[in-house]
Amino acid sequence: MSMDMNKMMQQVQQMQADMAKAQEELAGERVEASVGGGMVTVTASGSGEIIAVKISPEAIDPDDPETLEDLVVAGVNEALRSAQDLAQSKLGGAVGGLKGLGLPGL
């Protein structure tokens, strides 16, 4: 292996370590989305896992379950978007470093 190849492999290993650390940190972070004026609140981890869904009693209308369903879907989607944004900001640096190496497929 040439010196350049060795150096590149070291950089890749360092970036993999940075990515693993960032992903671990993300799993511990929380984002929250509230919709319908606070009727539904969804909490997700930074790694995109739904942690909790809170539904206010006023949102529960036995004659109109569709509205509550829509609010839950909207809250989950908003929480997942926030989690993605957080992941992008945390992992962006590590992924950017890989792109800087000019590796194909990244």
C-alpha atoms as a PDB file:
ATOM      1  CA  MET A   1       0.000   0.000   0.000  1.00  0.00           C
ATOM      2  CA  SER A   2       1.275   3.442  -0.798  1.00  0.00           C
ATOM      3  CA  MET A   3       1.637   6.155   1.842  1.00  0.00           C
ATOM      4  CA  ASP A   4      -1.378   7.966   0.399  1.00  0.00           C
ATOM      5  CA  MET A   5      -3.491   4.828   0.671  1.00  0.00           C
ATOM      6  CA  ASN A   6      -2.410   4.286   4.284  1.00  0.00           C
ATOM      7  CA  LYS A   7      -3.234   7.887   5.112  1.00  0.00           C
ATOM      8  CA  MET A   8      -6.620   7.585   3.422  1.00  0.00           C
ATOM      9  CA  MET A   9      -7.408   4.378   5.341  1.00  0.00           C
ATOM     10  CA  GLN A  10      -6.539   6.126   8.624  1.00  0.00           C
ATOM     11  CA  GLN A  11      -8.850   9.010   7.686  1.00  0.00           C
ATOM     12  CA  VAL A  12     -11.671   6.593   6.860  1.00  0.00           C
ATOM     13  CA  GLN A  13     -11.213   4.765  10.183  1.00  0.00           C
ATOM     14  CA  GLN A  14     -11.258   8.078  12.076  1.00  0.00           C
ATOM     15  CA  MET A  15     -14.435   9.164  10.278  1.00  0.00           C
ATOM     16  CA  GLN A  16     -16.081   5.821  11.041  1.00  0.00           C
ATOM     17  CA  ALA A  17     -15.246   6.329  14.719  1.00  0.00           C
ATOM     18  CA  ASP A  18     -16.630   9.886  14.568  1.00  0.00           C
ATOM     19  CA  MET A  19     -19.831   8.628  12.904  1.00  0.00           C
ATOM     20  CA  ALA A  20     -20.318   5.891  15.516  1.00  0.00           C
ATOM     21  CA  LYS A  21     -19.845   8.430  18.316  1.00  0.00           C
ATOM     22  CA  ALA A  22     -22.284  10.893  16.703  1.00  0.00           C
ATOM     23  CA  GLN A  23     -24.886   8.129  16.192  1.00  0.00           C
ATOM     24  CA  GLU A  24     -24.530   7.102  19.831  1.00  0.00           C
ATOM     25  CA  GLU A  25     -25.044  10.718  20.931  1.00  0.00           C
ATOM     26  CA  LEU A  26     -28.071  11.038  18.628  1.00  0.00           C
ATOM     27  CA  ALA A  27     -29.760   8.035  20.208  1.00  0.00           C
ATOM     28  CA  GLY A  28     -29.648   9.866  23.547  1.00  0.00           C
ATOM     29  CA  GLU A  29     -31.013  13.163  22.204  1.00  0.00           C
ATOM     30  CA  ARG A  30     -34.720  14.025  22.126  1.00  0.00           C
ATOM     31  CA  VAL A  31     -36.808  16.178  19.822  1.00  0.00           C
ATOM     32  CA  GLU A  32     -40.428  17.078  20.391  1.00  0.00           C
ATOM     33  CA  ALA A  33     -43.191  18.078  17.988  1.00  0.00           C
ATOM     34  CA  SER A  34     -46.498  19.541  19.058  1.00  0.00           C
ATOM     35  CA  VAL A  35     -49.466  19.823  16.668  1.00  0.00           C
ATOM     36  CA  GLY A  36     -53.057  20.930  16.853  1.00  0.00           C
ATOM     37  CA  GLY A  37     -52.260  23.663  19.335  1.00  0.00           C
ATOM     38  CA  GLY A  38     -50.716  21.164  21.731  1.00  0.00           C
ATOM     39  CA  MET A  39     -53.451  18.532  21.343  1.00  0.00           C
ATOM     40  CA  VAL A  40     -50.833  15.939  20.318  1.00  0.00           C
ATOM     41  CA  THR A  41     -47.157  15.960  21.288  1.00  0.00           C
ATOM     42  CA  VAL A  42     -44.707  13.427  19.899  1.00  0.00           C
ATOM     43  CA  THR A  43     -41.204  12.831  21.254  1.00  0.00           C
ATOM     44  CA  ALA A  44     -38.556  11.116  19.119  1.00  0.00           C
ATOM     45  CA  SER A  45     -34.923  10.217  19.667  1.00  0.00           C
ATOM     46  CA  GLY A  46     -32.277  11.833  17.515  1.00  0.00           C
ATOM     47  CA  SER A  47     -31.877   8.467  15.811  1.00  0.00           C
ATOM     48  CA  GLY A  48     -35.490   8.617  14.587  1.00  0.00           C
ATOM     49  CA  GLU A  49     -37.247   6.339  17.064  1.00  0.00           C
ATOM     50  CA  ILE A  50     -40.622   7.468  18.447  1.00  0.00           C
ATOM     51  CA  ILE A  51     -40.307   7.599  22.238  1.00  0.00           C
ATOM     52  CA  ALA A  52     -43.675   8.969  23.347  1.00  0.00           C
ATOM     53  CA  VAL A  53     -47.028  10.233  22.095  1.00  0.00           C
ATOM     54  CA  LYS A  54     -49.086  12.437  24.398  1.00  0.00           C
ATOM     55  CA  ILE A  55     -52.736  13.141  23.552  1.00  0.00           C
ATOM     56  CA  SER A  56     -54.682  15.814  25.373  1.00  0.00           C
ATOM     57  CA  PRO A  57     -58.136  14.692  26.587  1.00  0.00           C
ATOM     58  CA  GLU A  58     -59.789  17.446  24.503  1.00  0.00           C
ATOM     59  CA  ALA A  59     -58.420  15.794  21.351  1.00  0.00           C
ATOM     60  CA  ILE A  60     -60.390  12.608  22.053  1.00  0.00           C
ATOM     61  CA  ASP A  61     -63.755  12.958  20.345  1.00  0.00           C
ATOM     62  CA  PRO A  62     -65.515   9.581  19.946  1.00  0.00           C
ATOM     63  CA  ASP A  63     -67.570  11.057  17.088  1.00  0.00           C
ATOM     64  CA  ASP A  64     -64.488  12.260  15.189  1.00  0.00           C
ATOM     65  CA  PRO A  65     -61.596   9.771  15.458  1.00  0.00           C
ATOM     66  CA  GLU A  66     -60.255  10.882  12.047  1.00  0.00           C
ATOM     67  CA  THR A  67     -59.132  14.270  13.357  1.00  0.00           C
ATOM     68  CA  LEU A  68     -57.135  12.650  16.155  1.00  0.00           C
ATOM     69  CA  GLU A  69     -55.635  10.163  13.701  1.00  0.00           C
ATOM     70  CA  ASP A  70     -54.563  13.031  11.444  1.00  0.00           C
ATOM     71  CA  LEU A  71     -53.025  14.886  14.387  1.00  0.00           C
ATOM     72  CA  VAL A  72     -51.042  11.808  15.457  1.00  0.00           C
ATOM     73  CA  VAL A  73     -49.725  11.283  11.909  1.00  0.00           C
ATOM     74  CA  ALA A  74     -48.813  14.973  11.610  1.00  0.00           C
ATOM     75  CA  GLY A  75     -47.060  14.926  14.998  1.00  0.00           C
ATOM     76  CA  VAL A  76     -45.089  11.783  14.193  1.00  0.00           C
ATOM     77  CA  ASN A  77     -44.016  13.157  10.809  1.00  0.00           C
ATOM     78  CA  GLU A  78     -42.963  16.467  12.358  1.00  0.00           C
ATOM     79  CA  ALA A  79     -40.987  14.713  15.122  1.00  0.00           C
ATOM     80  CA  LEU A  80     -39.246  12.475  12.570  1.00  0.00           C
ATOM     81  CA  ARG A  81     -38.389  15.536  10.431  1.00  0.00           C
ATOM     82  CA  SER A  82     -36.869  17.219  13.494  1.00  0.00           C
ATOM     83  CA  ALA A  83     -34.903  14.060  14.299  1.00  0.00           C
ATOM     84  CA  GLN A  84     -33.618  13.952  10.702  1.00  0.00           C
ATOM     85  CA  ASP A  85     -32.564  17.592  10.856  1.00  0.00           C
ATOM     86  CA  LEU A  86     -30.720  16.913  14.105  1.00  0.00           C
ATOM     87  CA  ALA A  87     -29.020  13.857  12.609  1.00  0.00           C
ATOM     88  CA  GLN A  88     -28.060  15.832   9.503  1.00  0.00           C
ATOM     89  CA  SER A  89     -26.425  18.542  11.603  1.00  0.00           C
ATOM     90  CA  LYS A  90     -24.558  16.035  13.801  1.00  0.00           C
ATOM     91  CA  LEU A  91     -23.528  13.573  11.099  1.00  0.00           C
ATOM     92  CA  GLY A  92     -23.030  16.117   8.332  1.00  0.00           C
ATOM     93  CA  GLY A  93     -19.431  16.801   9.299  1.00  0.00           C
ATOM     94  CA  ALA A  94     -18.425  13.149   9.282  1.00  0.00           C
ATOM     95  CA  VAL A  95     -20.201  12.445   5.986  1.00  0.00           C
ATOM     96  CA  GLY A  96     -18.723  15.617   4.494  1.00  0.00           C
ATOM     97  CA  GLY A  97     -15.268  14.314   5.336  1.00  0.00           C
ATOM     98  CA  LEU A  98     -15.931  11.115   3.409  1.00  0.00           C
ATOM     99  CA  LYS A  99     -17.083  13.116   0.383  1.00  0.00           C
ATOM    100  CA  GLY A 100     -13.851  15.098   0.627  1.00  0.00           C
ATOM    101  CA  LEU A 101     -11.886  11.891   0.033  1.00  0.00           C
ATOM    102  CA  GLY A 102     -13.535  11.528  -3.345  1.00  0.00           C
ATOM    103  CA  LEU A 103     -14.787   8.026  -2.635  1.00  0.00           C
ATOM    104  CA  PRO A 104     -17.303   6.788  -5.201  1.00  0.00           C
ATOM    105  CA  GLY A 105     -20.900   6.331  -4.142  1.00  0.00           C
ATOM    106  CA  LEU A 106     -20.893   8.954  -1.381  1.00  0.00           C
END
